[in-house]
């Protein structure tokens, strides 16, 4: 432990010294031309400048990903103001069927994840572990109600992951060495294609959970992950994307000091495929997207007696989703424009252990959004959606109708004020008709739905960006998994009272303030800071219970001079919710989460680059979830990339 602290202190000193040494050269270089008023395509399904978008938006670019050393999409979202991550595996999120997920504004099961506009949520989980970070061009985050344009699960907001396309002809090979993450990747790019393939190895993680009085140590097993990404432009308007990831051997062991297994351990193989055919005709403002997602999880368990078998039904599953969406925009007049479209999707849940447990759900959504510019300074957006559910006897009567109103007032050329009011919803998980490890079912589940209200100000120039938003949201019929016996219910014959069943728990509410600020000083320095203050609560058995952290802060500084780049980034979440385990019969709050990471990179020429990533410089035992699983202690990785 002392050695790790000394190492992290020396590396931090090197980082700061390098930055100061580079500062002496700052005045010698000129300014680059750039703007922070980026284009946002997700919020209104059309290309719109950030200042003209009536919603709270955050954009993470490929350059941000590189400069801040993010290991994964989950990692990038985890460090963003207003987002809370619930994860089981540091940097990746998932651990087999224990699926990591992203909350926007504190609402679990309320964030829709898209890839190039097509949803990848499966069984109400928005895992991003199937998206290689190297394939990402940008990540657009749109907070607030988005169900009118995107349907179920967009209650807290939408995250749209936009992948890279072909371009300048080049190839590259990257090799990474580190004490946690080791691997390599090959990428080939042409005018009409981009292809990459890689493998990552992750080391064993001892003491991966707060131990308390457990007579054993929790050990996260070593595993590897294969990534493949391909994008092909068949025509100027037609693109095919394919993503494949396979994670082998994730899991946990529970061993005492003698190496004897004291609790049943488990291991997972997780295979995911995403394929999408995207037609984008900008001349006629028409976009269509046909996509297919599939995830297969195979789980094994290892008992204390050494017996090896498949784990429970909910840990051996196949999830799939096919989705079609088409959107068209019309310019009706000088003042008015209309966006309209429809979505159709089919979800499927299948248990590998019991093939008779299969559920299919079909959905159809019709939506329209009309924008009217009343003057040069004021505009309003009126939206409505009709969403129809069919395909099984449990969900067939759960159709939903949603309105939305947005306004935008242009204070001046660099400043705008917006409001966003909308109703949103989420359907019960497709596997909710089955208990975890049993066949009991709840046919009385209602959609989770409610209203969101927000108002905010944006001030964006070429060198600075300031965004502030105040929001409040209230949802009814919040989903939760609870044991039969804790609900006072008698399970069906043959079902254990300790089995979990999905129920409508009660209400969810949250009110808060979000602020983000970015400042660029020439082409050398960039600062960013942001914070969220909120009060996310859910009603559980008539009592309001805190859901996630009540405040978050993020800050960072980047410095670039010539061939050298460095960055230092801090994320802090405090006043967190209670852990699931009691101590002496009392619940306790999760400890603050404090992540301090750094990146040092050197690019001697256009063909070679070196990057050193430093994670958890403070070497903290950061708690990732209510079960008090821990993130990795201080660790590092060095990446060399050769382009040819």
Foldseek 3Di string as FASTA:
>chain_A
DVVLLVVLVVVVVVQVVVQVVQVVCVVVDFFDFFFPQAWDCPQVVHTDTPQPRQFDKDKQFLVNCVAFVQQFPLSVQCQDFQKAKFADAFSQRDQFLRGIAIDGNQAQLQEFEAEVRHTDDWLSGRGRNQPGSVFFGMKMWTAAADCQPPNARQHGTYIYTYGDFADDFWKKKKFKDWPFKGKIKIWTGDHFKIKMKMKIKGQKFWQQFPCVPPQWTKIWHIKMKIWIWMWGHPDPFKIKIKIKMKIFWTWIFTAHPVRQGPAKIKTKIKIKMKIKIWGQDPVQQKIKMKMKIKMFMWMWIAGSVGDIDTDFQSSGKMKMKIKIKMKGKDDPDPFKIKIWIKMKMKIWIAGPVDRVPIFIKIKMKTKMKMKGDPDPFKIKIKMKMWMAIDGDPQCRPQIDIKIKMKMWGHPDPFKIKMKIKIKGWHDRRRSLQQWGRGRHGDSPQHIKMWMKIKMKMWGITRFKIKIKMKMKIKIFQRKDWDFQVVVVHDTDPPDDSRIIHIGRFTMKMKIKMKIKMWGHDGPFKIKIKIKMAMFIWGQGPNDTFGRFFRMKMKIKMWGDDDFKIKMKIKIKTDPTGWAPDADPPHIDGAHIAIKIKMKIKGDPDPFKIKMKIWIQSVQDQGASHSSRRGHHGIMMMMMMMGMD
